[in-house]
Structures are given as C-alpha cells and as structure tokens.
Amino acid sequence: MSGQHHHGHTHGHGHGHGHSHAPASFGLAFAIGIALNMVFVVVEAVYGFLSGSMALVADAGHNLSDVLALMIAWGASVLSARPANNRFTYGYKASSILAALANAGLLLVAVGAILIETLRRFSTPAAVEGEAMMLIAGIGVVINTATALLFMRGRKHDINIRGAFLHMAADALVSLGVVVAGALVLFTGAMWIDPATSLVIVAIIAWSTWGLLKDSLAMGLNAVPNGIDRDAVQAMLAAQPGVCAVHHIHIWPMSTTETALTAHLVMPGGHPGDHFLIDAAKDLRQVHGIGHVSLQIETGEADCPLAPPDVV
C-alpha cells in the first residue's frame, strides 16, 4: 500500500507538468475570440434586420452559439487550473471533458438548425441580396479564421481547445460558403445555389462534430485515452525488476490533457522502496504520457480480491 501513499509526491509533480500551460496560453485567445465574435453578431443582426435579410439574422444566431461555445471552453480551461479540495480531490480538471461534450452537442444543434433552414429554402426559394451576403459573410470569414488560428496549436493535444477550434473553423467555412453562394447568385440569378452550398457546409461540420462527440464521449466514460496502448503499459510494468504479476490496471483521462493510472504489482521479494516507485512513475510519464501514477505493491502472501480479470 505504501506505493499509493508515496505517490502524493509524484502526483503533485505530474499535475504541475500537465495542465498549467492551457489557461495561461489560451486565456487571451478566448478573450479575443469572444470579443471579436460578439461584435460580429451585433453587426450581422442589426444589418440583417435593417436590410430584411433573414439569412443574415439566422447566421447571427448561429454565431451567437459560437460565442457560447467559446465561453464554455474558456470556463472549463480556467476551472481545470483551479486547485483540488477535500470534495473535488482531482480539482476540476474533468470539466474540460464536459465542455468538449457540450460543444459537440452545441455543434449538432447548430447543424440541425442550418439543415432545417436549408431544406425550407429549397421548397420556398427566397430572394437573396448577393452583395449584402458577400460583404457581411466576407467579414465573417476574416473574424472566424483569425479566431480559429488562435486555437490552432492547441487542437492536437487538448480536445477542449479542439472543440473551440472546430467551432470557429466550421464558421469560417459557413461564411466562405455564403460568399461563394452570394457571388454565384449575383452572376446566375439561380436562388437554389444558396441552400445547395449550405448543404455541403452542413455535411462538413457534421463530419468533424462526429469525431469530437465520439472522442469526448469516450473520455467521459473513462476510456483509455487515444495514443496509449494498455497492453504496452501492462507489459512495461510487468517487466520491472522483481514484478511477477500485474493486475487491476486502470488508465483513464483526468482531463482533456492529463492521464491517470492505478495498478497492483505482485512482488514476492517485498516492497522495493521509494526509488522503484519514483522511477516507474517517471518512465510511464516519459514513454506513455501518464502523469498521475498510483502503484500498489503486494507480496502475494494473500489473494487480492481485485486480482480476477472480471473484477473492475
């Protein structure tokens, strides 16, 4: 049991190493993204009402959902950095997983709303103001692309940041599609081009959202994070000197950027000492990116009730 007790030290160490960078480096990105998009929502809504363009008013509503998405992601990013307490012993790290899940849900709602409006447009084509569409949507392309780029570098390592990135990238695509559609409507006068472009955009957003939803659901269900091979981790622990068996091994995401592991090691020779535990934790962090390691040492003199493979 002393393995678990000792790990308070390595645990704290891995914690600092794992997440402290996210809120610091992305706080400004979130602030800029939210401010830019709020201004755009107001401009688009006002212009839409004044020109009688329902398309612009609808797009303003869609962009408002993005501001909410950015706020959710930012809130989770800030919460993740808050210290642990007696009740939330892991802190609030898992809020980033919930935020990614919420963002996937919001994106699906946005996809549904655009789809309904698009299908309605096919049955009753509306007169579209090509110039107004192109002008406002062009501003949208610039703002959404700039915001997406702010989150670009974090999207590979943090699913919560990826949610924010996908929202903004999807929006830039929507706006670009509107610019192209506006131009085609101006040149050809064919009103069906507007909803047809919209359908293509919806398909692209739905495809990227599905990946985000799948990954965030898996994280919420404590699945072994992508990129970590459970069998390889077990083999690595079993290969440690003095270890004759490994059981009750669990690997799960504590947040969108940090991973935890617990395992029982059977060592008939007795407890190997603190250095063994520190070295094992260090190896797991370097090789597999697992920063929070708790190892329980057993000598095998009594049967562990958690040893059978069907016991979770």
Protein backbone atom coordinates (compact mmCIF):
# COMPACT_ATOMS: atom_id res chain seq x y z
CA MET A 1 0.00 0.00 0.00
CA SER A 2 2.92 2.33 0.59
CA GLY A 3 3.10 2.81 -3.18
CA GLN A 4 -0.18 4.67 -3.14
CA HIS A 5 0.82 6.71 -0.12
CA HIS A 6 4.13 7.75 -1.64
CA HIS A 7 2.56 8.86 -4.86
CA GLY A 8 1.14 12.03 -3.39
CA HIS A 9 4.57 13.46 -4.26
CA THR A 10 4.77 12.34 -7.89
CA HIS A 11 1.09 13.16 -8.34
CA GLY A 12 1.62 16.80 -7.47
CA HIS A 13 4.62 16.89 -9.73
CA GLY A 14 2.78 15.46 -12.74
CA HIS A 15 -0.11 17.81 -12.12
CA GLY A 16 2.01 20.93 -12.45
CA HIS A 17 3.62 19.48 -15.52
CA GLY A 18 0.35 18.55 -17.21
CA HIS A 19 -2.13 21.37 -17.37
CA SER A 20 -0.82 24.65 -16.05
CA HIS A 21 0.00 25.84 -19.59
CA ALA A 22 -3.52 25.68 -21.05
CA PRO A 23 -5.36 28.50 -19.27
CA ALA A 24 -2.34 30.81 -19.34
CA SER A 25 -1.70 30.46 -23.05
CA PHE A 26 -5.31 30.32 -24.22
CA GLY A 27 -6.95 32.88 -21.90
CA LEU A 28 -6.05 35.70 -24.28
CA ALA A 29 -7.16 33.64 -27.29
CA PHE A 30 -10.57 33.07 -25.70
CA ALA A 31 -10.94 36.74 -24.73
CA ILE A 32 -10.06 37.96 -28.25
CA GLY A 33 -12.26 35.30 -29.90
CA ILE A 34 -15.31 36.12 -27.75
CA ALA A 35 -14.91 39.91 -28.18
CA LEU A 36 -14.47 39.70 -31.99
CA ASN A 37 -17.43 37.35 -32.40
CA MET A 38 -19.76 39.34 -30.13
CA VAL A 39 -19.10 42.48 -32.20
CA PHE A 40 -19.75 40.50 -35.39
CA VAL A 41 -23.02 39.04 -34.01
CA VAL A 42 -24.33 42.55 -33.23
CA VAL A 43 -23.27 43.97 -36.63
CA GLU A 44 -24.75 40.99 -38.51
CA ALA A 45 -28.05 41.02 -36.58
CA VAL A 46 -28.53 44.80 -36.96
CA TYR A 47 -27.65 44.72 -40.67
CA GLY A 48 -29.90 41.69 -41.17
CA PHE A 49 -32.90 43.42 -39.60
CA LEU A 50 -32.29 46.69 -41.49
CA SER A 51 -31.92 45.00 -44.88
CA GLY A 52 -34.70 42.47 -44.22
CA SER A 53 -32.29 39.58 -44.83
CA MET A 54 -33.38 36.53 -42.83
CA ALA A 55 -30.23 34.67 -43.87
CA LEU A 56 -28.02 37.20 -42.06
CA VAL A 57 -30.26 37.20 -38.96
CA ALA A 58 -30.14 33.38 -38.88
CA ASP A 59 -26.34 33.42 -39.28
CA ALA A 60 -26.09 35.93 -36.42
CA GLY A 61 -27.98 33.42 -34.24
CA HIS A 62 -25.57 30.69 -35.34
CA ASN A 63 -22.59 32.89 -34.48
CA LEU A 64 -24.10 33.59 -31.07
CA SER A 65 -23.99 29.82 -30.40
CA ASP A 66 -20.24 30.03 -31.14
CA VAL A 67 -19.76 32.76 -28.55
CA LEU A 68 -21.48 30.45 -26.04
CA ALA A 69 -19.23 27.58 -27.15
CA LEU A 70 -16.09 29.70 -26.64
CA MET A 71 -17.36 30.75 -23.19
CA ILE A 72 -17.95 27.10 -22.21
CA ALA A 73 -14.47 26.09 -23.40
CA TRP A 74 -12.84 29.05 -21.64
CA GLY A 75 -14.72 28.36 -18.42
CA ALA A 76 -13.53 24.75 -18.46
CA SER A 77 -9.97 25.83 -19.23
CA VAL A 78 -9.98 28.16 -16.20
CA LEU A 79 -11.74 25.60 -13.96
CA SER A 80 -9.16 22.95 -14.90
CA ALA A 81 -6.42 25.09 -13.38
CA ARG A 82 -8.19 25.53 -10.02
CA PRO A 83 -6.64 23.67 -7.09
CA ALA A 84 -8.10 20.46 -5.68
CA ASN A 85 -10.04 20.49 -2.40
CA ASN A 86 -11.47 17.99 0.08
CA ARG A 87 -14.51 17.31 -2.07
CA PHE A 88 -13.03 17.56 -5.57
CA THR A 89 -9.79 15.72 -4.88
CA TYR A 90 -8.73 15.85 -8.54
CA GLY A 91 -9.66 19.51 -8.78
CA TYR A 92 -11.96 20.46 -11.66
CA LYS A 93 -9.87 19.00 -14.46
CA ALA A 94 -12.66 16.83 -15.86
CA SER A 95 -14.71 19.98 -16.64
CA SER A 96 -12.69 20.19 -19.87
CA ILE A 97 -14.14 16.81 -20.92
CA LEU A 98 -17.67 18.03 -20.12
CA ALA A 99 -17.02 21.21 -22.13
CA ALA A 100 -15.87 19.21 -25.17
CA LEU A 101 -19.05 17.13 -24.88
CA ALA A 102 -21.22 20.26 -24.52
CA ASN A 103 -19.51 21.82 -27.54
CA ALA A 104 -20.17 18.73 -29.64
CA GLY A 105 -23.83 18.95 -28.59
CA LEU A 106 -24.00 22.65 -29.49
CA LEU A 107 -22.44 21.97 -32.90
CA LEU A 108 -25.05 19.26 -33.57
CA VAL A 109 -27.85 21.68 -32.64
CA ALA A 110 -26.34 24.28 -35.00
CA VAL A 111 -26.12 21.65 -37.77
CA GLY A 112 -29.79 20.74 -37.21
CA ALA A 113 -30.89 24.39 -37.30
CA ILE A 114 -28.97 25.11 -40.53
CA LEU A 115 -30.30 21.91 -42.10
CA ILE A 116 -33.95 22.78 -41.33
CA GLU A 117 -33.50 26.32 -42.74
CA THR A 118 -31.73 24.91 -45.83
CA LEU A 119 -34.45 22.39 -46.63
CA ARG A 120 -37.08 25.13 -46.15
CA ARG A 121 -35.16 27.30 -48.63
CA PHE A 122 -35.24 24.52 -51.24
CA SER A 123 -39.05 24.38 -51.09
CA THR A 124 -39.56 28.17 -50.99
CA PRO A 125 -36.54 29.95 -52.52
CA ALA A 126 -36.11 33.41 -51.04
CA ALA A 127 -34.82 36.46 -52.89
CA VAL A 128 -31.18 36.73 -51.85
CA GLU A 129 -29.23 40.00 -51.79
CA GLY A 130 -25.94 38.84 -53.28
CA GLU A 131 -23.90 41.96 -52.42
CA ALA A 132 -25.05 42.13 -48.78
CA MET A 133 -24.42 38.39 -48.35
CA MET A 134 -20.90 38.67 -49.74
CA LEU A 135 -19.93 41.74 -47.73
CA ILE A 136 -21.09 40.57 -44.29
CA ALA A 137 -20.02 36.96 -44.87
CA GLY A 138 -16.61 38.20 -46.03
CA ILE A 139 -16.14 39.94 -42.67
CA GLY A 140 -17.23 36.67 -41.05
CA VAL A 141 -14.54 34.71 -42.92
CA VAL A 142 -11.82 37.04 -41.62
CA ILE A 143 -13.05 37.06 -37.99
CA ASN A 144 -13.70 33.31 -37.76
CA THR A 145 -10.45 32.35 -39.47
CA ALA A 146 -8.48 34.68 -37.16
CA THR A 147 -10.20 33.17 -34.09
CA ALA A 148 -9.66 29.58 -35.32
CA LEU A 149 -5.94 30.30 -35.82
CA LEU A 150 -5.67 31.38 -32.16
CA PHE A 151 -6.59 27.82 -31.13
CA MET A 152 -4.75 26.00 -33.91
CA ARG A 153 -1.67 24.99 -31.95
CA GLY A 154 -3.63 23.54 -29.03
CA ARG A 155 -6.10 21.44 -31.01
CA LYS A 156 -3.88 18.33 -31.26
CA HIS A 157 -3.21 17.99 -27.52
CA ASP A 158 -6.43 19.18 -25.89
CA ILE A 159 -9.88 18.08 -27.06
CA ASN A 160 -11.47 21.08 -25.29
CA ILE A 161 -9.33 23.50 -27.36
CA ARG A 162 -10.13 21.34 -30.40
CA GLY A 163 -13.84 21.95 -29.75
CA ALA A 164 -13.26 25.72 -29.81
CA PHE A 165 -11.07 25.41 -32.93
CA LEU A 166 -13.68 23.30 -34.78
CA HIS A 167 -16.45 25.77 -33.93
CA MET A 168 -14.52 28.68 -35.41
CA ALA A 169 -13.19 26.73 -38.41
CA ALA A 170 -16.72 25.50 -39.17
CA ASP A 171 -17.94 29.09 -39.01
CA ALA A 172 -15.22 30.32 -41.35
CA LEU A 173 -16.36 27.60 -43.80
CA VAL A 174 -20.00 28.65 -43.43
CA SER A 175 -19.09 32.29 -44.13
CA LEU A 176 -16.87 31.34 -47.08
CA GLY A 177 -19.72 29.25 -48.49
CA VAL A 178 -22.04 32.25 -48.15
CA VAL A 179 -19.53 34.50 -50.02
CA VAL A 180 -19.27 31.96 -52.88
CA ALA A 181 -23.04 31.46 -52.96
CA GLY A 182 -23.60 35.25 -52.99
CA ALA A 183 -21.26 35.62 -55.96
CA LEU A 184 -22.92 32.76 -57.88
CA VAL A 185 -26.41 34.15 -57.15
CA LEU A 186 -25.29 37.56 -58.47
CA PHE A 187 -23.90 36.09 -61.70
CA THR A 188 -26.55 33.44 -62.42
CA GLY A 189 -29.67 34.59 -60.55
CA ALA A 190 -30.26 30.93 -59.52
CA MET A 191 -31.65 31.04 -55.98
CA TRP A 192 -31.15 27.31 -55.32
CA ILE A 193 -27.36 27.87 -55.14
CA ASP A 194 -27.72 29.37 -51.65
CA PRO A 195 -29.31 26.30 -49.97
CA ALA A 196 -27.18 23.87 -52.03
CA THR A 197 -23.98 25.50 -50.71
CA SER A 198 -25.44 25.32 -47.22
CA LEU A 199 -25.97 21.54 -47.52
CA VAL A 200 -22.31 20.95 -48.40
CA ILE A 201 -21.21 23.05 -45.41
CA VAL A 202 -23.58 21.17 -43.07
CA ALA A 203 -22.06 17.84 -44.19
CA ILE A 204 -18.51 19.09 -43.45
CA ILE A 205 -19.46 20.41 -39.98
CA ALA A 206 -21.36 17.18 -39.14
CA TRP A 207 -18.32 15.07 -40.09
CA SER A 208 -15.92 16.97 -37.80
CA THR A 209 -18.51 17.15 -35.00
CA TRP A 210 -18.95 13.37 -35.06
CA GLY A 211 -15.23 12.91 -34.29
CA LEU A 212 -15.37 15.41 -31.42
CA LEU A 213 -18.53 13.79 -29.98
CA LYS A 214 -17.05 10.28 -30.19
CA ASP A 215 -13.77 11.28 -28.51
CA SER A 216 -15.40 13.34 -25.74
CA LEU A 217 -17.95 10.59 -25.00
CA ALA A 218 -15.14 8.03 -24.73
CA MET A 219 -13.31 10.36 -22.31
CA GLY A 220 -16.48 10.84 -20.28
CA LEU A 221 -16.75 7.06 -19.97
CA ASN A 222 -13.13 6.86 -18.70
CA ALA A 223 -11.84 5.03 -21.80
CA VAL A 224 -8.08 4.61 -22.15
CA PRO A 225 -7.03 7.84 -23.96
CA ASN A 226 -6.13 7.70 -27.66
CA GLY A 227 -2.44 7.09 -28.21
CA ILE A 228 -1.97 4.95 -25.09
CA ASP A 229 -1.67 1.18 -25.54
CA ARG A 230 -2.96 -0.50 -22.37
CA ASP A 231 -1.19 -3.80 -23.16
CA ALA A 232 2.13 -2.00 -23.69
CA VAL A 233 1.73 -0.21 -20.33
CA GLN A 234 0.95 -3.51 -18.60
CA ALA A 235 3.95 -5.18 -20.26
CA MET A 236 6.19 -2.30 -19.16
CA LEU A 237 5.08 -2.67 -15.52
CA ALA A 238 5.39 -6.49 -15.66
CA ALA A 239 8.96 -6.14 -16.96
CA GLN A 240 10.10 -4.13 -13.90
CA PRO A 241 12.65 -6.00 -11.75
CA GLY A 242 11.01 -8.09 -9.03
CA VAL A 243 7.49 -7.92 -10.52
CA CYS A 244 5.92 -11.33 -11.15
CA ALA A 245 2.35 -10.20 -11.95
CA VAL A 246 0.31 -7.06 -12.66
CA HIS A 247 -3.44 -6.79 -12.08
CA HIS A 248 -6.23 -4.26 -11.51
CA ILE A 249 -4.67 -1.88 -14.02
CA HIS A 250 -6.78 1.17 -14.91
CA ILE A 251 -5.85 4.04 -17.23
CA TRP A 252 -8.25 6.95 -17.63
CA PRO A 253 -8.33 10.64 -18.60
CA MET A 254 -8.48 13.06 -15.66
CA SER A 255 -8.95 15.94 -18.09
CA THR A 256 -8.55 16.53 -21.81
CA THR A 257 -4.77 16.73 -21.36
CA GLU A 258 -3.91 14.54 -18.34
CA THR A 259 -3.98 10.82 -17.74
CA ALA A 260 -4.03 8.75 -14.54
CA LEU A 261 -3.11 5.13 -13.85
CA THR A 262 -3.59 2.71 -10.96
CA ALA A 263 -2.14 -0.81 -10.86
CA HIS A 264 -1.34 -3.57 -8.38
CA LEU A 265 2.14 -5.10 -8.70
CA VAL A 266 2.83 -8.52 -7.14
CA MET A 267 6.43 -8.55 -5.84
CA PRO A 268 7.22 -11.68 -3.78
CA GLY A 269 10.58 -10.19 -2.73
CA GLY A 270 8.78 -7.48 -0.75
CA HIS A 271 8.45 -3.72 -1.16
CA PRO A 272 11.22 -2.41 -3.45
CA GLY A 273 11.45 1.06 -1.87
CA ASP A 274 10.51 4.57 -2.94
CA HIS A 275 13.09 4.86 -5.72
CA PHE A 276 11.45 1.99 -7.60
CA LEU A 277 8.09 3.82 -7.48
CA ILE A 278 9.55 7.20 -8.48
CA ASP A 279 11.42 5.63 -11.42
CA ALA A 280 8.36 3.66 -12.59
CA ALA A 281 6.21 6.83 -12.47
CA LYS A 282 8.89 8.76 -14.39
CA ASP A 283 9.13 6.07 -17.10
CA LEU A 284 5.34 5.97 -17.51
CA ARG A 285 5.24 9.76 -17.90
CA GLN A 286 8.08 9.87 -20.43
CA VAL A 287 7.08 6.85 -22.54
CA HIS A 288 3.27 6.93 -22.34
CA GLY A 289 2.45 10.46 -21.17
CA ILE A 290 0.79 9.21 -17.96
CA GLY A 291 1.45 11.87 -15.32
CA HIS A 292 -0.57 10.59 -12.35
CA VAL A 293 0.61 7.14 -11.31
CA SER A 294 -0.53 5.19 -8.23
CA LEU A 295 1.06 1.77 -7.73
CA GLN A 296 0.11 -0.73 -5.02
CA ILE A 297 2.72 -3.29 -4.05
CA GLU A 298 1.64 -6.78 -2.95
CA THR A 299 3.88 -9.67 -1.89
CA GLY A 300 1.42 -12.37 -2.95
CA GLU A 301 1.05 -13.89 0.53
CA ALA A 302 -2.72 -13.25 0.37
CA ASP A 303 -5.08 -13.29 -2.61
CA CYS A 304 -6.03 -9.78 -3.72
CA PRO A 305 -9.85 -9.55 -4.09
CA LEU A 306 -9.29 -7.24 -7.11
CA ALA A 307 -6.97 -9.68 -8.93
CA PRO A 308 -9.52 -11.61 -11.06
CA PRO A 309 -9.75 -10.10 -14.56
CA ASP A 310 -13.56 -9.75 -14.35
CA VAL A 311 -13.33 -7.57 -11.21
CA VAL A 312 -13.27 -3.85 -12.02
